[in-house]
Amino acid sequence: MSMDEQIRLDIINYRRQKAHQLMCDVKVLMEHEMWNSTVNRLYYACFHMISALLILYKIEVKTHLGVRQAFGLNFIKTRILTPECGRIFTRLYDKRQSSDYDDFKEFTLEEVEDLYPQVRYLLKEVDDVIAKLMNDFPFYTKYEMTSADYGFITDKVNTAAIMATYV
């Protein structure tokens, strides 16, 4: 393996780890009811995991919009990942934009409770693709997905259940 290839793999793993670390930040932010910061960290966890996937496929992008578009074009439209994964990332992108640039935008507990399990689902799906291609174990393997993680499909999940699933 060349040095350039090793550096690329190190960057992929760094971004996967960064996504995991950001989800740990989310737990603390939720405990302190910092909803806008929580949404921001949820977005960046997905952004880093998706960026790792793009790097793995040697897809170069320079902007957040570029990441969103490349993800949709190369992984959603090709059915490597489900359309739901694309919808989740688009919603997060829009919410992060709104939080950062719209005056007086304040997220609520209910919005975070709705987003959290969706983010967990997206991170796991993307990480599984990365792990499969790298012949590696997903970073999220030790954080078993529970029915609470899929709550967005059928119903809402309360904050205590959310935080209990990610420890």
Foldseek 3Di string as FASTA:
>chain_A
DDPVVVVLVVLLVVLLVLLLVLVVVLLVCVVVFQQLVNLLSLLSSLVSLLVSLCSVVPHDDDDSVRSLVCCCVPCDVVVVDDVLLSVLNVVSVVSNCCSVPPPPDDDGQQVCQLNLLSSVVNSVSSQVVVCVVVVHDRPCPVLDDDVSSVCNVPHTDHSVVSSVSSD
